[in-house]
Every structure is written in C-alpha cells, then in structure tokens.
C-alpha cells in the first residue's frame, strides 16, 4: 500500500461516510491532483487487493470491510470535537448533584443524539460484590432451585429440571463443598474459579460431576446476566440508517437489539483499557454494523461505554467522543474523591 493508494482509500472511505453514495474517479481527480486514468487504475488495484468494492448500481466504489479495517488501523485520525459537542457533555459532568454513573448515562444519551447511532452503557459487578453462599433447595424428585447470595444482599435464584435418576443428595452435597471453596470470591470471578479450580476436584469425588457442574455454572452465569446494569439509548437511530432501509434488515437488527445476547455481546471486550473497534463480522452482532467500545472505571467499579452504528460510521468523531467521555469520567471520579 503506497502513499497514493492510502490517500485514495482514505478519501473513498470519508467521502462514502458523508454521502452514502459510491465514489467515482472524477470526483477524486481534483482532490488528489491526479488524472482520471491514474485514479481509475489505482482504484482497480485497490479493488483487486480487497479494500474497495464495486457498487451494483453505478461504476463508483465503496469501502469493503477490509478497507474499513485498514482505514481504522492506519489512516484514521481522531477528530477534534466541536465546541458545541464539548459544551453539551461538559454541562452534564459539571453538575455536582449527579453521580458519575448517572452522568455517564446522560452523556451517552446525548452522544446517541449527536451521532444518530445507538449508545450503550454497561455497568458490571466487580470485586465490590463477593459471593456469600449458594444454596440448593430440592422442590421434588426432578426439580431443584439454586439460590445465589452476595455479601451486598443481592439474591438470585434459578430453577432446574433434573434428568431422571439424578441423585439430588449428591447435588446438595456438592453445593456444600462448593460453598466452602467459593465463599468470598468476587462474583465476576466465580465462573473462572469454578472451571479451573473446582471442576477437577468434584470430578474425583462426584460420580455424575458434569451434570452437577453445569447446574452451578449456569446458576452463576444467570446471576451475572441479571445483575449487569445496561442502558441503551437510540435503538431507533440505528434503524434509520440507509443500510437498513428494507423490512428484512430492520426486523433483523431490531430483534438483535432486544435479544439477551445483545448484553453478552456488549460485555465482551478484549482486556485492557484501550478503545476497541469491531467491524462487521468481528462484532459478533451483525455483519453490517460496527461496534466501538471502551472500558471505564468509576468508584472502583468497571463499566463499558459503546456506540453501535453502520460500518459506514464516522469513526474519527465517535472515537474522539468516547475518549473524551473516559477523560471526563476520570476527572469527575477524582474530583469526588
């Protein structure tokens, strides 16, 4: 990828983001100061390399998923926020009556309006919530209830229907064993400890250990699922984008935004504090969307803020907005301390 191709790809991506129209060679000649023949030749090479693709309707080109990824990794530069954007967000963070988490939610609602994309705030249980105990209660010969309690008084229960000939006494006995090994564990670390430390132990002592293990694993995961705070703004915004202008696309995206797997998708992020950009297939949400996420910490607890939009997203602006948000969260958190 030489400098001319980089400049051409950058121009195609940014032009398509603004216009939602395939980019032709004629419109690029003046900007790049090249002849139409040169631009066409370079566009053919970019297309052969997989960075752009031809639109079915016209002779213009649009960025491919590979093109967007290259743009994000090598060509994009965070965009300076306008004074109006900054003022709207600063006004929320300067309100000392608002808690940090409430300020974050309010600001993400504003960002959803500013960008016309869907915004998400995900607050997650942390080491502040420790496992106090898990109880197994037999309802009859085929049904049990697992009750999970934390030291903060949070209680969650889940009912299980057992396979025939399952030994309920064995499950209760295992529950007592697991209690002793897990009490005091941060609730978001329980599943990991259950998998790598406890499963090998119960495998040696319990005959039907897989059934018993799955019950406890499901109970803890269900607990985490129901006790994760999620706030979504602008669900309808995403459906207004031109990419989703047919009934099939609208129905597909709308159902995914309401599905339980949506929360799981947002909560998964590859470690560290860096901003993460997931384009198309790698979003694990929909092949025609981009998800941009960043973690934040407030009062010792960890959360995630995210923007969901089309692959044809204003990447520079969204990245700047999320980075600005994290800076302001940290400032407000430090000021409170």
Protein backbone atom coordinates (compact mmCIF):
# COMPACT_ATOMS: atom_id res chain seq x y z
CA UNK A 1 0.00 0.00 0.00
CA UNK A 2 1.87 3.09 -1.22
CA UNK A 3 1.09 6.68 -0.23
CA UNK A 4 -1.14 7.33 -3.23
CA UNK A 5 -3.28 4.27 -2.53
CA UNK A 6 -3.50 5.22 1.14
CA UNK A 7 -4.67 8.73 0.25
CA UNK A 8 -7.16 7.32 -2.24
CA UNK A 9 -8.60 4.79 0.21
CA UNK A 10 -8.86 7.45 2.93
CA UNK A 11 -10.74 9.74 0.56
CA UNK A 12 -13.10 6.97 -0.58
CA UNK A 13 -13.94 5.96 3.00
CA UNK A 14 -14.51 9.52 4.24
CA UNK A 15 -16.49 10.55 1.16
CA UNK A 16 -18.73 7.49 1.33
CA UNK A 17 -19.33 8.03 5.06
CA UNK A 18 -20.58 11.56 4.32
CA UNK A 19 -22.55 10.99 1.13
CA UNK A 20 -23.66 7.32 1.32
CA UNK A 21 -23.01 7.26 -2.44
CA UNK A 22 -20.45 5.20 -4.37
CA UNK A 23 -17.36 7.26 -5.10
CA UNK A 24 -16.41 7.74 -8.76
CA UNK A 25 -12.99 8.58 -10.21
CA UNK A 26 -14.00 12.01 -11.48
CA UNK A 27 -14.75 13.36 -8.01
CA UNK A 28 -11.30 12.27 -6.80
CA UNK A 29 -9.16 13.85 -9.53
CA UNK A 30 -9.10 17.39 -8.16
CA UNK A 31 -8.68 16.34 -4.54
CA UNK A 32 -5.74 14.05 -5.26
CA UNK A 33 -4.42 16.07 -8.21
CA UNK A 34 -4.21 13.05 -10.49
CA UNK A 35 -5.63 12.28 -13.90
CA UNK A 36 -8.83 10.33 -14.23
CA UNK A 37 -6.94 7.45 -15.84
CA UNK A 38 -4.49 7.28 -12.92
CA UNK A 39 -7.30 7.30 -10.36
CA UNK A 40 -9.18 4.56 -12.24
CA UNK A 41 -6.05 2.43 -12.40
CA UNK A 42 -5.38 2.86 -8.68
CA UNK A 43 -9.00 2.06 -7.85
CA UNK A 44 -8.78 -1.18 -9.84
CA UNK A 45 -5.66 -2.11 -7.86
CA UNK A 46 -7.37 -1.31 -4.54
CA UNK A 47 -10.34 -3.40 -5.63
CA UNK A 48 -8.08 -6.31 -6.53
CA UNK A 49 -6.42 -6.00 -3.11
CA UNK A 50 -9.87 -6.24 -1.48
CA UNK A 51 -10.00 -2.75 0.08
CA UNK A 52 -12.86 -1.38 -2.03
CA UNK A 53 -15.67 -2.99 -4.00
CA UNK A 54 -17.90 -2.03 -6.89
CA UNK A 55 -21.44 -0.97 -6.25
CA UNK A 56 -24.04 -2.91 -8.20
CA UNK A 57 -25.86 0.21 -9.37
CA UNK A 58 -23.07 2.53 -10.57
CA UNK A 59 -19.42 2.46 -11.58
CA UNK A 60 -18.39 4.03 -8.29
CA UNK A 61 -16.65 2.17 -5.47
CA UNK A 62 -17.44 1.76 -1.78
CA UNK A 63 -15.15 0.59 1.04
CA UNK A 64 -15.11 -3.12 1.80
CA UNK A 65 -14.93 -4.48 5.35
CA UNK A 66 -11.20 -4.95 4.82
CA UNK A 67 -10.98 -1.33 3.65
CA UNK A 68 -12.70 0.00 6.76
CA UNK A 69 -10.35 -2.03 8.96
CA UNK A 70 -7.26 -0.69 7.18
CA UNK A 71 -8.64 2.85 7.47
CA UNK A 72 -9.21 2.47 11.21
CA UNK A 73 -5.82 0.89 11.88
CA UNK A 74 -3.62 3.05 9.64
CA UNK A 75 -5.34 6.13 8.22
CA UNK A 76 -7.84 7.47 10.73
CA UNK A 77 -7.01 10.39 12.99
CA UNK A 78 -9.27 11.30 15.94
CA UNK A 79 -11.36 14.33 15.09
CA UNK A 80 -11.36 17.44 17.26
CA UNK A 81 -14.74 17.86 18.93
CA UNK A 82 -16.72 20.98 18.16
CA UNK A 83 -17.25 23.50 20.94
CA UNK A 84 -20.97 22.68 20.85
CA UNK A 85 -20.35 18.95 21.37
CA UNK A 86 -17.94 19.57 24.24
CA UNK A 87 -20.27 22.07 25.91
CA UNK A 88 -23.19 19.63 25.92
CA UNK A 89 -21.10 16.94 27.61
CA UNK A 90 -19.30 19.32 29.99
CA UNK A 91 -22.63 20.63 31.24
CA UNK A 92 -23.57 17.15 32.44
CA UNK A 93 -20.24 16.39 34.10
CA UNK A 94 -20.14 19.78 35.82
CA UNK A 95 -23.44 19.01 37.57
CA UNK A 96 -22.20 18.06 41.05
CA UNK A 97 -25.61 16.70 42.02
CA UNK A 98 -25.22 13.85 39.52
CA UNK A 99 -23.38 10.67 40.44
CA UNK A 100 -20.69 9.56 38.00
CA UNK A 101 -22.75 6.65 36.66
CA UNK A 102 -25.78 8.89 36.12
CA UNK A 103 -23.61 11.44 34.31
CA UNK A 104 -22.23 8.71 32.06
CA UNK A 105 -25.74 7.54 31.15
CA UNK A 106 -26.92 11.10 30.41
CA UNK A 107 -23.87 11.84 28.25
CA UNK A 108 -24.22 8.64 26.25
CA UNK A 109 -27.83 9.61 25.54
CA UNK A 110 -26.51 12.92 24.20
CA UNK A 111 -23.85 11.16 22.10
CA UNK A 112 -26.57 8.94 20.63
CA UNK A 113 -28.44 12.08 19.55
CA UNK A 114 -25.27 13.78 18.24
CA UNK A 115 -24.17 10.83 16.11
CA UNK A 116 -27.58 9.33 15.35
CA UNK A 117 -26.23 5.92 16.39
CA UNK A 118 -27.19 3.58 19.23
CA UNK A 119 -25.29 4.07 22.50
CA UNK A 120 -24.82 1.63 25.36
CA UNK A 121 -23.67 1.94 28.97
CA UNK A 122 -22.86 -1.33 30.67
CA UNK A 123 -22.11 -1.44 34.38
CA UNK A 124 -20.66 -4.70 35.63
CA UNK A 125 -20.37 -6.32 39.04
CA UNK A 126 -16.80 -6.19 40.34
CA UNK A 127 -14.80 -7.14 43.41
CA UNK A 128 -17.23 -4.97 45.36
CA UNK A 129 -19.70 -7.88 45.18
CA UNK A 130 -18.48 -11.09 46.82
CA UNK A 131 -20.16 -14.48 46.89
CA UNK A 132 -21.66 -15.17 50.30
CA UNK A 133 -23.23 -18.54 49.65
CA UNK A 134 -25.11 -20.76 47.21
CA UNK A 135 -27.93 -22.98 48.45
CA UNK A 136 -29.56 -25.91 46.67
CA UNK A 137 -33.21 -26.48 47.54
CA UNK A 138 -35.00 -29.63 46.37
CA UNK A 139 -38.58 -28.94 45.23
CA UNK A 140 -39.35 -32.56 44.35
CA UNK A 141 -37.58 -35.54 42.80
CA UNK A 142 -36.99 -33.80 39.48
CA UNK A 143 -36.68 -30.09 40.33
CA UNK A 144 -34.25 -28.01 42.38
CA UNK A 145 -33.64 -24.30 42.92
CA UNK A 146 -30.16 -22.81 43.15
CA UNK A 147 -30.07 -19.63 45.29
CA UNK A 148 -27.01 -17.37 44.92
CA UNK A 149 -26.36 -14.67 47.55
CA UNK A 150 -23.69 -11.94 47.74
CA UNK A 151 -22.31 -10.03 50.70
CA UNK A 152 -24.20 -6.95 49.46
CA UNK A 153 -27.54 -8.68 49.90
CA UNK A 154 -28.14 -9.38 46.22
CA UNK A 155 -30.07 -12.64 45.80
CA UNK A 156 -30.82 -14.53 42.59
CA UNK A 157 -32.43 -17.93 42.10
CA UNK A 158 -32.75 -20.30 39.18
CA UNK A 159 -34.83 -23.44 38.84
CA UNK A 160 -33.50 -26.61 37.19
CA UNK A 161 -35.31 -29.70 35.94
CA UNK A 162 -33.11 -32.73 36.53
CA UNK A 163 -32.72 -35.74 34.35
CA UNK A 164 -34.28 -38.94 35.64
CA UNK A 165 -32.24 -40.91 38.18
CA UNK A 166 -30.20 -37.82 39.14
CA UNK A 167 -29.12 -38.08 42.79
CA UNK A 168 -30.41 -34.88 44.45
CA UNK A 169 -28.49 -35.67 47.63
CA UNK A 170 -25.30 -35.68 45.58
CA UNK A 171 -26.11 -32.23 44.20
CA UNK A 172 -26.81 -30.84 47.68
CA UNK A 173 -23.57 -32.37 48.93
CA UNK A 174 -21.67 -30.76 46.05
CA UNK A 175 -23.29 -27.42 46.83
CA UNK A 176 -21.95 -27.57 50.38
CA UNK A 177 -18.49 -28.43 49.04
CA UNK A 178 -18.53 -25.57 46.52
CA UNK A 179 -19.75 -23.14 49.17
CA UNK A 180 -16.64 -23.75 51.24
CA UNK A 181 -14.31 -23.22 48.29
CA UNK A 182 -16.02 -20.15 46.78
CA UNK A 183 -17.17 -18.02 49.72
CA UNK A 184 -15.57 -14.58 49.49
CA UNK A 185 -14.78 -14.84 45.76
CA UNK A 186 -15.58 -11.75 43.62
CA UNK A 187 -18.82 -12.61 41.86
CA UNK A 188 -17.36 -11.97 38.39
CA UNK A 189 -14.51 -14.41 39.09
CA UNK A 190 -16.69 -17.28 40.29
CA UNK A 191 -17.20 -18.96 36.89
CA UNK A 192 -13.48 -18.93 36.16
CA UNK A 193 -12.62 -20.42 39.55
CA UNK A 194 -15.39 -22.99 39.17
CA UNK A 195 -14.00 -24.09 35.81
CA UNK A 196 -10.28 -24.28 36.56
CA UNK A 197 -10.06 -24.99 40.28
CA UNK A 198 -13.25 -26.67 41.45
CA UNK A 199 -14.29 -28.80 38.46
CA UNK A 200 -11.17 -31.04 38.71
CA UNK A 201 -11.87 -31.59 42.42
CA UNK A 202 -15.54 -32.55 42.09
CA UNK A 203 -14.68 -34.76 39.10
CA UNK A 204 -12.76 -37.00 41.51
CA UNK A 205 -15.41 -37.04 44.23
CA UNK A 206 -18.76 -36.89 42.40
CA UNK A 207 -19.89 -39.62 40.03
CA UNK A 208 -22.18 -37.51 37.82
CA UNK A 209 -19.97 -34.42 38.10
CA UNK A 210 -20.74 -32.97 34.63
CA UNK A 211 -24.46 -32.61 35.43
CA UNK A 212 -23.70 -31.11 38.83
CA UNK A 213 -21.04 -28.77 37.45
CA UNK A 214 -23.35 -27.47 34.70
CA UNK A 215 -26.04 -26.63 37.25
CA UNK A 216 -23.69 -24.46 39.27
CA UNK A 217 -22.08 -22.89 36.22
CA UNK A 218 -25.48 -21.95 34.77
CA UNK A 219 -26.65 -20.57 38.12
CA UNK A 220 -23.66 -18.22 38.43
CA UNK A 221 -23.84 -17.10 34.80
CA UNK A 222 -27.55 -16.42 35.19
CA UNK A 223 -26.78 -14.36 38.28
CA UNK A 224 -24.24 -12.24 36.41
CA UNK A 225 -26.62 -11.83 33.47
CA UNK A 226 -29.47 -10.48 35.61
CA UNK A 227 -27.24 -8.27 37.75
CA UNK A 228 -25.48 -6.45 34.96
CA UNK A 229 -26.87 -2.96 34.52
CA UNK A 230 -27.32 -1.96 30.90
CA UNK A 231 -28.73 1.25 29.48
CA UNK A 232 -29.37 1.54 25.74
CA UNK A 233 -30.19 4.82 24.00
CA UNK A 234 -31.21 5.44 20.42
CA UNK A 235 -32.21 1.94 19.38
CA UNK A 236 -34.37 3.51 16.67
CA UNK A 237 -31.45 5.63 15.45
CA UNK A 238 -29.64 2.64 14.01
CA UNK A 239 -32.75 1.58 12.13
CA UNK A 240 -32.88 4.98 10.39
CA UNK A 241 -29.56 4.44 8.62
CA UNK A 242 -29.79 3.85 4.84
CA UNK A 243 -28.12 0.44 5.22
CA UNK A 244 -31.25 -0.85 6.93
CA UNK A 245 -33.93 0.58 4.65
CA UNK A 246 -35.67 -2.70 3.84
CA UNK A 247 -38.09 -4.61 6.03
CA UNK A 248 -35.84 -7.67 6.37
CA UNK A 249 -32.84 -5.65 7.62
CA UNK A 250 -34.97 -3.61 10.01
CA UNK A 251 -36.53 -6.73 11.50
CA UNK A 252 -33.12 -8.43 11.84
CA UNK A 253 -31.42 -5.50 13.59
CA UNK A 254 -34.44 -4.70 15.77
CA UNK A 255 -34.70 -8.27 17.05
CA UNK A 256 -30.97 -8.37 17.84
CA UNK A 257 -31.17 -5.14 19.83
CA UNK A 258 -33.87 -6.69 22.00
CA UNK A 259 -32.27 -10.12 22.36
CA UNK A 260 -30.48 -11.24 25.54
CA UNK A 261 -27.34 -11.98 23.53
CA UNK A 262 -27.04 -8.22 22.92
CA UNK A 263 -25.97 -7.70 26.53
CA UNK A 264 -23.44 -10.51 26.28
CA UNK A 265 -22.03 -9.05 23.06
CA UNK A 266 -21.50 -5.62 24.61
CA UNK A 267 -19.93 -7.02 27.77
CA UNK A 268 -17.22 -8.94 25.90
CA UNK A 269 -14.12 -6.85 25.37
CA UNK A 270 -10.55 -7.97 24.90
CA UNK A 271 -8.94 -6.82 28.14
CA UNK A 272 -7.05 -3.60 28.82
CA UNK A 273 -8.28 -0.04 28.87
CA UNK A 274 -7.79 0.69 25.16
CA UNK A 275 -10.64 1.55 22.87
CA UNK A 276 -11.75 -1.39 20.70
CA UNK A 277 -13.32 -1.27 17.25
CA UNK A 278 -15.19 -4.31 15.91
CA UNK A 279 -16.20 -4.06 12.26
CA UNK A 280 -18.79 -6.26 10.56
CA UNK A 281 -18.42 -9.96 11.26
CA UNK A 282 -15.97 -9.46 14.14
CA UNK A 283 -18.63 -7.51 16.07
CA UNK A 284 -20.40 -10.81 16.86
CA UNK A 285 -23.60 -8.81 16.48
CA UNK A 286 -24.32 -8.23 12.79
CA UNK A 287 -22.23 -8.33 9.62
CA UNK A 288 -23.35 -4.84 8.65
CA UNK A 289 -22.56 -2.91 11.85
CA UNK A 290 -19.55 -1.53 13.68
CA UNK A 291 -19.27 -1.59 17.47
CA UNK A 292 -16.82 0.82 19.15
CA UNK A 293 -16.30 0.22 22.86
CA UNK A 294 -14.17 1.48 25.68
CA UNK A 295 -13.91 0.48 29.33
CA UNK A 296 -14.01 2.97 32.17
CA UNK A 297 -13.58 2.80 35.93
CA UNK A 298 -15.62 4.69 38.47
CA UNK A 299 -15.57 4.29 42.24
CA UNK A 300 -13.63 1.05 41.92
CA UNK A 301 -16.17 -0.49 39.55
CA UNK A 302 -15.67 -1.23 35.89
CA UNK A 303 -18.06 -0.39 33.09
CA UNK A 304 -18.20 -0.20 29.31
CA UNK A 305 -19.45 2.53 27.00
CA UNK A 306 -20.18 1.67 23.39
CA UNK A 307 -21.52 3.06 20.15
CA UNK A 308 -23.23 0.82 17.59
CA UNK A 309 -23.64 2.08 14.06
CA UNK A 310 -23.30 1.05 10.43
CA UNK A 311 -19.91 0.05 9.01
CA UNK A 312 -20.18 3.41 7.26
CA UNK A 313 -19.60 5.16 10.56
CA UNK A 314 -17.99 8.49 11.45
CA UNK A 315 -15.10 6.64 13.07
CA UNK A 316 -13.00 9.73 13.82
CA UNK A 317 -15.80 11.53 15.62
CA UNK A 318 -17.04 8.51 17.60
CA UNK A 319 -13.51 7.65 18.79
CA UNK A 320 -12.99 11.24 19.94
CA UNK A 321 -16.33 11.32 21.76
CA UNK A 322 -15.67 8.07 23.67
CA UNK A 323 -12.12 9.08 24.59
CA UNK A 324 -13.41 12.45 25.80
CA UNK A 325 -16.05 10.67 27.86
CA UNK A 326 -13.49 8.49 29.64
CA UNK A 327 -11.33 11.53 30.43
CA UNK A 328 -14.33 13.31 31.95
CA UNK A 329 -15.39 10.22 33.93
CA UNK A 330 -11.93 10.04 35.48
CA UNK A 331 -11.94 13.78 36.24
CA UNK A 332 -15.33 13.61 37.95
CA UNK A 333 -14.34 10.47 39.83
CA UNK A 334 -11.08 12.12 41.04
CA UNK A 335 -12.95 15.29 41.99
CA UNK A 336 -15.39 13.31 44.13
CA UNK A 337 -12.54 11.62 45.96
